[in-house]
Amino acid sequence: MALALTVGVLIGGGVFMMLRRGMVRLIIGFALLSHGVNLLIMSTGGIDRRGEPLGYSPDPATTADALPQAFVLTAIVIAFAITMYMLVLAVTGDEDDDTDLELTGREMETPDLMDDPADSAATHGDAPTDPDPVGTRPERRPGRGGRA
């Protein structure tokens, strides 16, 4: 009964975390779900009612089935590889997040040195007035160097 309850809690928690917003929650949910499924597969091998597959008793009626244990070992390796891949995607995706435009409602400032008319006017001697006078720029936030 405790094994079934543990499997249910792990799978339920994993599904709940996977449905939440955020990549870290998705990764934690995937890990919980894979642990729950691995425990479910292990419980089908009958390890609580029988002995180890290798050991003292050669009688198949009293030894646990080794196939679920081999499946779980393979599943652990695959789940670890997928988790590491998702962590790499989370790190690289966080660095190159272009949803700031949608969240702030304004365009991000990117320097365009090739077609800047202020640069060409400044090099020819007839520089225009400052297009962004002091006091009209939004305050800078501390942290990653973004605008408020």
N, C-alpha and C. Protein backbone atom coordinates (compact mmCIF):
# COMPACT_ATOMS: atom_id res chain seq x y z
N MET A 1 0.82 -1.20 0.00
CA MET A 1 0.00 0.00 0.00
C MET A 1 0.86 1.26 0.00
N ALA A 2 1.94 1.22 0.78
CA ALA A 2 2.82 2.39 0.83
C ALA A 2 3.51 2.61 -0.50
N LEU A 3 3.84 1.52 -1.19
CA LEU A 3 4.49 1.65 -2.49
C LEU A 3 3.55 2.28 -3.51
N ALA A 4 2.29 1.87 -3.50
CA ALA A 4 1.31 2.44 -4.42
C ALA A 4 1.06 3.91 -4.12
N LEU A 5 1.03 4.25 -2.84
CA LEU A 5 0.85 5.65 -2.45
C LEU A 5 2.05 6.50 -2.89
N THR A 6 3.24 5.97 -2.72
CA THR A 6 4.45 6.70 -3.14
C THR A 6 4.47 6.90 -4.65
N VAL A 7 4.10 5.87 -5.40
CA VAL A 7 4.04 5.99 -6.86
C VAL A 7 3.02 7.05 -7.25
N GLY A 8 1.86 7.03 -6.61
CA GLY A 8 0.82 8.02 -6.92
C GLY A 8 1.25 9.44 -6.61
N VAL A 9 1.91 9.63 -5.48
CA VAL A 9 2.37 10.98 -5.11
C VAL A 9 3.44 11.46 -6.08
N LEU A 10 4.38 10.61 -6.44
CA LEU A 10 5.44 11.01 -7.38
C LEU A 10 4.88 11.35 -8.76
N ILE A 11 4.00 10.51 -9.27
CA ILE A 11 3.43 10.76 -10.59
C ILE A 11 2.51 11.97 -10.56
N GLY A 12 1.69 12.09 -9.52
CA GLY A 12 0.82 13.26 -9.40
C GLY A 12 1.60 14.56 -9.27
N GLY A 13 2.64 14.54 -8.44
CA GLY A 13 3.48 15.73 -8.29
C GLY A 13 4.21 16.07 -9.57
N GLY A 14 4.66 15.04 -10.28
CA GLY A 14 5.36 15.28 -11.55
C GLY A 14 4.45 15.90 -12.60
N VAL A 15 3.23 15.38 -12.72
CA VAL A 15 2.29 15.95 -13.68
C VAL A 15 1.92 17.38 -13.28
N PHE A 16 1.70 17.60 -11.99
CA PHE A 16 1.38 18.95 -11.52
C PHE A 16 2.49 19.94 -11.84
N MET A 17 3.74 19.54 -11.59
CA MET A 17 4.86 20.44 -11.85
C MET A 17 5.07 20.66 -13.35
N MET A 18 4.79 19.65 -14.16
CA MET A 18 4.96 19.81 -15.61
C MET A 18 3.91 20.75 -16.19
N LEU A 19 2.77 20.87 -15.53
CA LEU A 19 1.71 21.76 -16.03
C LEU A 19 1.90 23.20 -15.57
N ARG A 20 2.83 23.46 -14.68
CA ARG A 20 3.12 24.81 -14.21
C ARG A 20 3.96 25.54 -15.25
N ARG A 21 3.96 26.85 -15.16
CA ARG A 21 4.74 27.66 -16.10
C ARG A 21 6.17 27.79 -15.61
N GLY A 22 7.10 27.59 -16.49
CA GLY A 22 8.51 27.74 -16.16
C GLY A 22 9.29 26.49 -16.50
N MET A 23 10.47 26.70 -17.02
CA MET A 23 11.29 25.58 -17.48
C MET A 23 11.83 24.76 -16.32
N VAL A 24 12.18 25.41 -15.21
CA VAL A 24 12.72 24.66 -14.07
C VAL A 24 11.64 23.76 -13.48
N ARG A 25 10.42 24.25 -13.40
CA ARG A 25 9.32 23.42 -12.90
C ARG A 25 9.05 22.24 -13.83
N LEU A 26 9.18 22.48 -15.12
CA LEU A 26 9.01 21.40 -16.08
C LEU A 26 10.07 20.33 -15.89
N ILE A 27 11.30 20.74 -15.65
CA ILE A 27 12.39 19.78 -15.46
C ILE A 27 12.19 19.00 -14.16
N ILE A 28 11.81 19.69 -13.09
CA ILE A 28 11.55 19.00 -11.82
C ILE A 28 10.37 18.04 -11.97
N GLY A 29 9.33 18.47 -12.68
CA GLY A 29 8.19 17.60 -12.92
C GLY A 29 8.55 16.37 -13.72
N PHE A 30 9.40 16.55 -14.72
CA PHE A 30 9.85 15.41 -15.51
C PHE A 30 10.64 14.43 -14.65
N ALA A 31 11.49 14.95 -13.78
CA ALA A 31 12.28 14.07 -12.90
C ALA A 31 11.36 13.31 -11.94
N LEU A 32 10.39 14.00 -11.35
CA LEU A 32 9.45 13.32 -10.44
C LEU A 32 8.64 12.26 -11.18
N LEU A 33 8.18 12.60 -12.37
CA LEU A 33 7.40 11.65 -13.15
C LEU A 33 8.23 10.42 -13.52
N SER A 34 9.47 10.63 -13.91
CA SER A 34 10.30 9.48 -14.27
C SER A 34 10.61 8.62 -13.05
N HIS A 35 10.82 9.24 -11.89
CA HIS A 35 11.05 8.45 -10.67
C HIS A 35 9.80 7.64 -10.30
N GLY A 36 8.63 8.25 -10.46
CA GLY A 36 7.40 7.54 -10.16
C GLY A 36 7.16 6.36 -11.09
N VAL A 37 7.43 6.56 -12.37
CA VAL A 37 7.26 5.46 -13.33
C VAL A 37 8.29 4.36 -13.08
N ASN A 38 9.52 4.75 -12.74
CA ASN A 38 10.54 3.74 -12.42
C ASN A 38 10.13 2.92 -11.21
N LEU A 39 9.60 3.57 -10.20
CA LEU A 39 9.14 2.85 -9.01
C LEU A 39 7.96 1.94 -9.34
N LEU A 40 7.09 2.40 -10.23
CA LEU A 40 5.96 1.56 -10.65
C LEU A 40 6.45 0.32 -11.39
N ILE A 41 7.42 0.48 -12.27
CA ILE A 41 7.96 -0.67 -12.99
C ILE A 41 8.66 -1.63 -12.03
N MET A 42 9.40 -1.08 -11.08
CA MET A 42 10.08 -1.93 -10.09
C MET A 42 9.08 -2.72 -9.25
N SER A 43 7.94 -2.11 -8.97
CA SER A 43 6.95 -2.82 -8.15
C SER A 43 6.33 -3.99 -8.91
N THR A 44 6.37 -3.96 -10.24
CA THR A 44 5.83 -5.08 -10.99
C THR A 44 6.74 -6.29 -10.95
N GLY A 45 8.01 -6.09 -10.58
CA GLY A 45 8.95 -7.20 -10.50
C GLY A 45 8.78 -8.06 -9.27
N GLY A 46 8.00 -7.63 -8.32
CA GLY A 46 7.73 -8.42 -7.13
C GLY A 46 8.87 -8.46 -6.14
N ILE A 47 9.62 -7.37 -6.00
CA ILE A 47 10.77 -7.42 -5.10
C ILE A 47 10.36 -7.40 -3.64
N ASP A 48 9.13 -7.00 -3.34
CA ASP A 48 8.72 -7.00 -1.93
C ASP A 48 8.24 -8.39 -1.48
N ARG A 49 7.85 -9.24 -2.41
CA ARG A 49 7.35 -10.58 -2.06
C ARG A 49 8.38 -11.68 -2.31
N ARG A 50 9.40 -11.38 -3.09
CA ARG A 50 10.37 -12.40 -3.49
C ARG A 50 11.79 -11.93 -3.21
N GLY A 51 12.73 -12.84 -3.37
CA GLY A 51 14.13 -12.52 -3.15
C GLY A 51 14.77 -11.90 -4.38
N GLU A 52 16.04 -11.59 -4.27
CA GLU A 52 16.79 -11.00 -5.38
C GLU A 52 16.89 -12.01 -6.52
N PRO A 53 17.00 -11.53 -7.76
CA PRO A 53 17.09 -12.47 -8.88
C PRO A 53 18.40 -13.26 -8.89
N LEU A 54 19.45 -12.71 -8.35
CA LEU A 54 20.73 -13.42 -8.27
C LEU A 54 21.02 -13.66 -6.81
N GLY A 55 21.29 -14.90 -6.48
CA GLY A 55 21.58 -15.12 -5.08
C GLY A 55 21.39 -16.56 -4.67
N TYR A 56 20.66 -16.75 -3.61
CA TYR A 56 20.61 -18.04 -2.93
C TYR A 56 19.62 -19.02 -3.53
N SER A 57 18.51 -18.56 -4.02
CA SER A 57 17.45 -19.48 -4.43
C SER A 57 17.37 -19.56 -5.96
N PRO A 58 17.66 -20.71 -6.55
CA PRO A 58 17.53 -20.84 -8.00
C PRO A 58 16.09 -21.10 -8.43
N ASP A 59 15.18 -21.25 -7.50
CA ASP A 59 13.78 -21.54 -7.82
C ASP A 59 13.11 -20.28 -8.39
N PRO A 60 12.58 -20.34 -9.61
CA PRO A 60 11.96 -19.15 -10.21
C PRO A 60 10.71 -18.67 -9.47
N ALA A 61 10.08 -19.54 -8.72
CA ALA A 61 8.88 -19.12 -7.99
C ALA A 61 9.21 -18.23 -6.80
N THR A 62 10.44 -18.29 -6.32
CA THR A 62 10.80 -17.50 -5.14
C THR A 62 11.75 -16.35 -5.44
N THR A 63 12.12 -16.16 -6.70
CA THR A 63 13.01 -15.04 -7.04
C THR A 63 12.24 -13.97 -7.80
N ALA A 64 12.69 -12.76 -7.69
CA ALA A 64 12.06 -11.64 -8.38
C ALA A 64 12.42 -11.66 -9.85
N ASP A 65 11.56 -11.07 -10.65
CA ASP A 65 11.80 -10.99 -12.09
C ASP A 65 12.87 -9.94 -12.36
N ALA A 66 13.88 -10.29 -13.14
CA ALA A 66 14.99 -9.37 -13.41
C ALA A 66 14.69 -8.41 -14.56
N LEU A 67 13.69 -8.68 -15.37
CA LEU A 67 13.41 -7.83 -16.52
C LEU A 67 12.98 -6.42 -16.12
N PRO A 68 12.07 -6.23 -15.15
CA PRO A 68 11.75 -4.85 -14.75
C PRO A 68 12.95 -4.10 -14.19
N GLN A 69 13.85 -4.80 -13.53
CA GLN A 69 15.04 -4.13 -13.01
C GLN A 69 15.94 -3.65 -14.14
N ALA A 70 16.04 -4.44 -15.20
CA ALA A 70 16.83 -4.01 -16.37
C ALA A 70 16.15 -2.84 -17.07
N PHE A 71 14.82 -2.87 -17.16
CA PHE A 71 14.09 -1.74 -17.75
C PHE A 71 14.31 -0.46 -16.95
N VAL A 72 14.26 -0.57 -15.64
CA VAL A 72 14.42 0.61 -14.79
C VAL A 72 15.83 1.16 -14.90
N LEU A 73 16.81 0.30 -14.96
CA LEU A 73 18.19 0.76 -15.11
C LEU A 73 18.36 1.53 -16.41
N THR A 74 17.77 1.02 -17.49
CA THR A 74 17.82 1.72 -18.77
C THR A 74 17.04 3.03 -18.70
N ALA A 75 15.89 3.01 -18.05
CA ALA A 75 15.06 4.22 -17.94
C ALA A 75 15.75 5.30 -17.12
N ILE A 76 16.50 4.91 -16.10
CA ILE A 76 17.22 5.89 -15.28
C ILE A 76 18.26 6.61 -16.13
N VAL A 77 18.99 5.86 -16.94
CA VAL A 77 20.02 6.47 -17.79
C VAL A 77 19.38 7.40 -18.83
N ILE A 78 18.29 6.97 -19.44
CA ILE A 78 17.62 7.79 -20.44
C ILE A 78 17.03 9.04 -19.80
N ALA A 79 16.40 8.91 -18.63
CA ALA A 79 15.82 10.07 -17.95
C ALA A 79 16.90 11.06 -17.53
N PHE A 80 18.05 10.56 -17.10
CA PHE A 80 19.15 11.45 -16.73
C PHE A 80 19.65 12.22 -17.95
N ALA A 81 19.77 11.55 -19.08
CA ALA A 81 20.23 12.23 -20.30
C ALA A 81 19.23 13.28 -20.75
N ILE A 82 17.95 12.96 -20.71
CA ILE A 82 16.93 13.93 -21.12
C ILE A 82 16.88 15.10 -20.15
N THR A 83 17.04 14.84 -18.86
CA THR A 83 17.04 15.92 -17.88
C THR A 83 18.22 16.86 -18.11
N MET A 84 19.38 16.31 -18.38
CA MET A 84 20.54 17.17 -18.66
C MET A 84 20.33 17.98 -19.93
N TYR A 85 19.73 17.38 -20.94
CA TYR A 85 19.45 18.10 -22.18
C TYR A 85 18.47 19.24 -21.92
N MET A 86 17.44 18.99 -21.11
CA MET A 86 16.48 20.05 -20.79
C MET A 86 17.13 21.15 -19.97
N LEU A 87 18.05 20.81 -19.08
CA LEU A 87 18.77 21.84 -18.32
C LEU A 87 19.61 22.72 -19.25
N VAL A 88 20.26 22.11 -20.23
CA VAL A 88 21.04 22.89 -21.19
C VAL A 88 20.12 23.80 -22.00
N LEU A 89 18.96 23.30 -22.41
CA LEU A 89 18.01 24.14 -23.13
C LEU A 89 17.50 25.28 -22.26
N ALA A 90 17.29 25.02 -20.98
CA ALA A 90 16.82 26.07 -20.07
C ALA A 90 17.87 27.16 -19.91
N VAL A 91 19.12 26.78 -19.80
CA VAL A 91 20.19 27.77 -19.63
C VAL A 91 20.38 28.59 -20.90
N THR A 92 20.45 27.93 -22.04
CA THR A 92 20.66 28.67 -23.29
C THR A 92 19.41 29.45 -23.69
N GLY A 93 18.25 28.95 -23.37
CA GLY A 93 17.03 29.67 -23.68
C GLY A 93 16.84 30.90 -22.82
N ASP A 94 17.35 30.88 -21.60
CA ASP A 94 17.25 32.03 -20.72
C ASP A 94 18.16 33.15 -21.19
N GLU A 95 19.31 32.80 -21.75
CA GLU A 95 20.25 33.82 -22.21
C GLU A 95 19.76 34.52 -23.47
N ASP A 96 18.94 33.85 -24.25
CA ASP A 96 18.54 34.43 -25.53
C ASP A 96 17.02 34.57 -25.56
N ASP A 97 16.49 35.20 -24.53
CA ASP A 97 15.06 35.37 -24.37
C ASP A 97 14.61 36.62 -25.12
N ASP A 98 13.80 36.44 -26.16
CA ASP A 98 13.34 37.59 -26.93
C ASP A 98 11.88 37.93 -26.62
N THR A 99 11.37 37.48 -25.50
CA THR A 99 10.00 37.83 -25.12
C THR A 99 9.94 39.14 -24.37
N ASP A 100 11.08 39.82 -24.18
CA ASP A 100 11.07 41.12 -23.50
C ASP A 100 10.23 42.12 -24.26
N LEU A 101 10.18 42.02 -25.58
CA LEU A 101 9.38 42.92 -26.39
C LEU A 101 7.91 42.77 -26.05
N GLU A 102 7.44 41.54 -25.90
CA GLU A 102 6.05 41.31 -25.56
C GLU A 102 5.73 41.75 -24.14
N LEU A 103 6.67 41.55 -23.23
CA LEU A 103 6.43 41.87 -21.83
C LEU A 103 6.47 43.37 -21.57
N THR A 104 7.37 44.10 -22.19
CA THR A 104 7.51 45.52 -21.90
C THR A 104 6.68 46.38 -22.83
N GLY A 105 6.31 45.88 -23.99
CA GLY A 105 5.50 46.65 -24.91
C GLY A 105 6.29 47.65 -25.74
N ARG A 106 7.59 47.59 -25.72
CA ARG A 106 8.38 48.50 -26.54
C ARG A 106 9.53 47.74 -27.18
N GLU A 107 10.10 48.33 -28.17
CA GLU A 107 11.18 47.67 -28.89
C GLU A 107 12.46 47.72 -28.10
N MET A 108 13.26 46.70 -28.25
CA MET A 108 14.55 46.67 -27.58
C MET A 108 15.53 47.50 -28.38
N GLU A 109 16.44 48.16 -27.67
CA GLU A 109 17.41 49.00 -28.35
C GLU A 109 18.56 48.14 -28.86
N THR A 110 18.76 48.20 -30.17
CA THR A 110 19.89 47.49 -30.77
C THR A 110 20.70 48.51 -31.56
N PRO A 111 21.98 48.54 -31.35
CA PRO A 111 22.79 49.52 -32.09
C PRO A 111 22.89 49.12 -33.56
N ASP A 112 22.57 50.06 -34.41
CA ASP A 112 22.69 49.86 -35.84
C ASP A 112 23.67 50.90 -36.36
N LEU A 113 24.92 50.53 -36.42
CA LEU A 113 25.98 51.47 -36.74
C LEU A 113 26.07 51.78 -38.22
N MET A 114 25.51 50.94 -39.05
CA MET A 114 25.66 51.14 -40.49
C MET A 114 24.73 52.24 -41.01
N ASP A 115 23.50 52.30 -40.53
CA ASP A 115 22.51 53.21 -41.10
C ASP A 115 22.09 54.30 -40.12
N ASP A 116 22.93 54.71 -39.20
CA ASP A 116 22.56 55.72 -38.21
C ASP A 116 22.79 57.11 -38.80
N PRO A 117 21.72 57.90 -39.03
CA PRO A 117 21.91 59.23 -39.62
C PRO A 117 22.65 60.18 -38.69
N ALA A 118 22.57 59.97 -37.38
CA ALA A 118 23.28 60.85 -36.46
C ALA A 118 24.79 60.67 -36.61
N ASP A 119 25.23 59.44 -36.86
CA ASP A 119 26.66 59.20 -37.05
C ASP A 119 27.16 59.86 -38.34
N SER A 120 26.39 59.74 -39.40
CA SER A 120 26.83 60.33 -40.66
C SER A 120 26.81 61.85 -40.58
N ALA A 121 25.83 62.43 -39.87
CA ALA A 121 25.77 63.88 -39.73
C ALA A 121 26.90 64.38 -38.84
N ALA A 122 27.24 63.60 -37.81
CA ALA A 122 28.31 64.02 -36.91
C ALA A 122 29.66 63.99 -37.62
N THR A 123 29.83 63.10 -38.54
CA THR A 123 31.11 63.04 -39.25
C THR A 123 31.21 64.15 -40.29
N HIS A 124 30.08 64.70 -40.76
CA HIS A 124 30.10 65.76 -41.76
C HIS A 124 30.03 67.15 -41.15
N GLY A 125 29.92 67.25 -39.84
CA GLY A 125 29.99 68.55 -39.19
C GLY A 125 28.67 69.20 -38.88
N ASP A 126 27.54 68.72 -39.38
CA ASP A 126 26.24 69.33 -39.08
C ASP A 126 25.43 68.39 -38.19
N ALA A 127 25.87 68.21 -36.95
CA ALA A 127 25.23 67.30 -36.02
C ALA A 127 23.90 67.87 -35.56
N PRO A 128 22.83 67.08 -35.57
CA PRO A 128 21.53 67.56 -35.09
C PRO A 128 21.53 67.64 -33.57
N THR A 129 20.46 68.20 -33.05
CA THR A 129 20.32 68.27 -31.60
C THR A 129 20.13 66.87 -31.05
N ASP A 130 20.33 66.73 -29.77
CA ASP A 130 20.24 65.43 -29.11
C ASP A 130 18.82 64.88 -29.25
N PRO A 131 18.63 63.73 -29.90
CA PRO A 131 17.28 63.20 -30.09
C PRO A 131 16.66 62.69 -28.79
N ASP A 132 17.45 62.49 -27.79
CA ASP A 132 16.94 61.97 -26.53
C ASP A 132 17.46 62.85 -25.39
N PRO A 133 16.80 63.99 -25.13
CA PRO A 133 17.32 64.90 -24.10
C PRO A 133 17.32 64.24 -22.73
N VAL A 134 18.15 64.78 -21.87
CA VAL A 134 18.30 64.24 -20.52
C VAL A 134 16.98 64.37 -19.78
N GLY A 135 16.62 63.33 -19.07
CA GLY A 135 15.38 63.35 -18.28
C GLY A 135 14.23 62.63 -18.95
N THR A 136 14.32 62.35 -20.25
CA THR A 136 13.23 61.64 -20.91
C THR A 136 13.49 60.16 -21.01
N ARG A 137 14.71 59.74 -20.76
CA ARG A 137 15.02 58.31 -20.83
C ARG A 137 14.53 57.63 -19.56
N PRO A 138 14.01 56.42 -19.67
CA PRO A 138 13.60 55.70 -18.46
C PRO A 138 14.80 55.35 -17.61
N GLU A 139 14.55 55.23 -16.32
CA GLU A 139 15.61 54.89 -15.38
C GLU A 139 16.09 53.47 -15.64
N ARG A 140 17.37 53.24 -15.40
CA ARG A 140 17.94 51.90 -15.57
C ARG A 140 17.70 51.08 -14.32
N ARG A 141 17.34 49.84 -14.52
CA ARG A 141 17.17 48.91 -13.41
C ARG A 141 18.51 48.34 -13.01
N PRO A 142 18.69 48.09 -11.73
CA PRO A 142 19.90 47.37 -11.34
C PRO A 142 19.78 45.91 -11.76
N GLY A 143 20.87 45.29 -12.04
CA GLY A 143 20.82 43.87 -12.38
C GLY A 143 21.45 43.62 -13.73
N ARG A 144 20.65 43.13 -14.66
CA ARG A 144 21.18 42.66 -15.93
C ARG A 144 21.35 43.78 -16.95
N GLY A 145 21.19 45.02 -16.58
CA GLY A 145 21.45 46.12 -17.49
C GLY A 145 20.29 46.45 -18.40
N GLY A 146 19.08 46.03 -18.05
CA GLY A 146 17.93 46.30 -18.90
C GLY A 146 17.26 47.61 -18.53
N ARG A 147 16.30 48.01 -19.32
CA ARG A 147 15.53 49.22 -19.06
C ARG A 147 14.38 48.90 -18.12
N ALA A 148 13.85 49.93 -17.48
CA ALA A 148 12.74 49.74 -16.54
C ALA A 148 11.47 49.40 -17.27
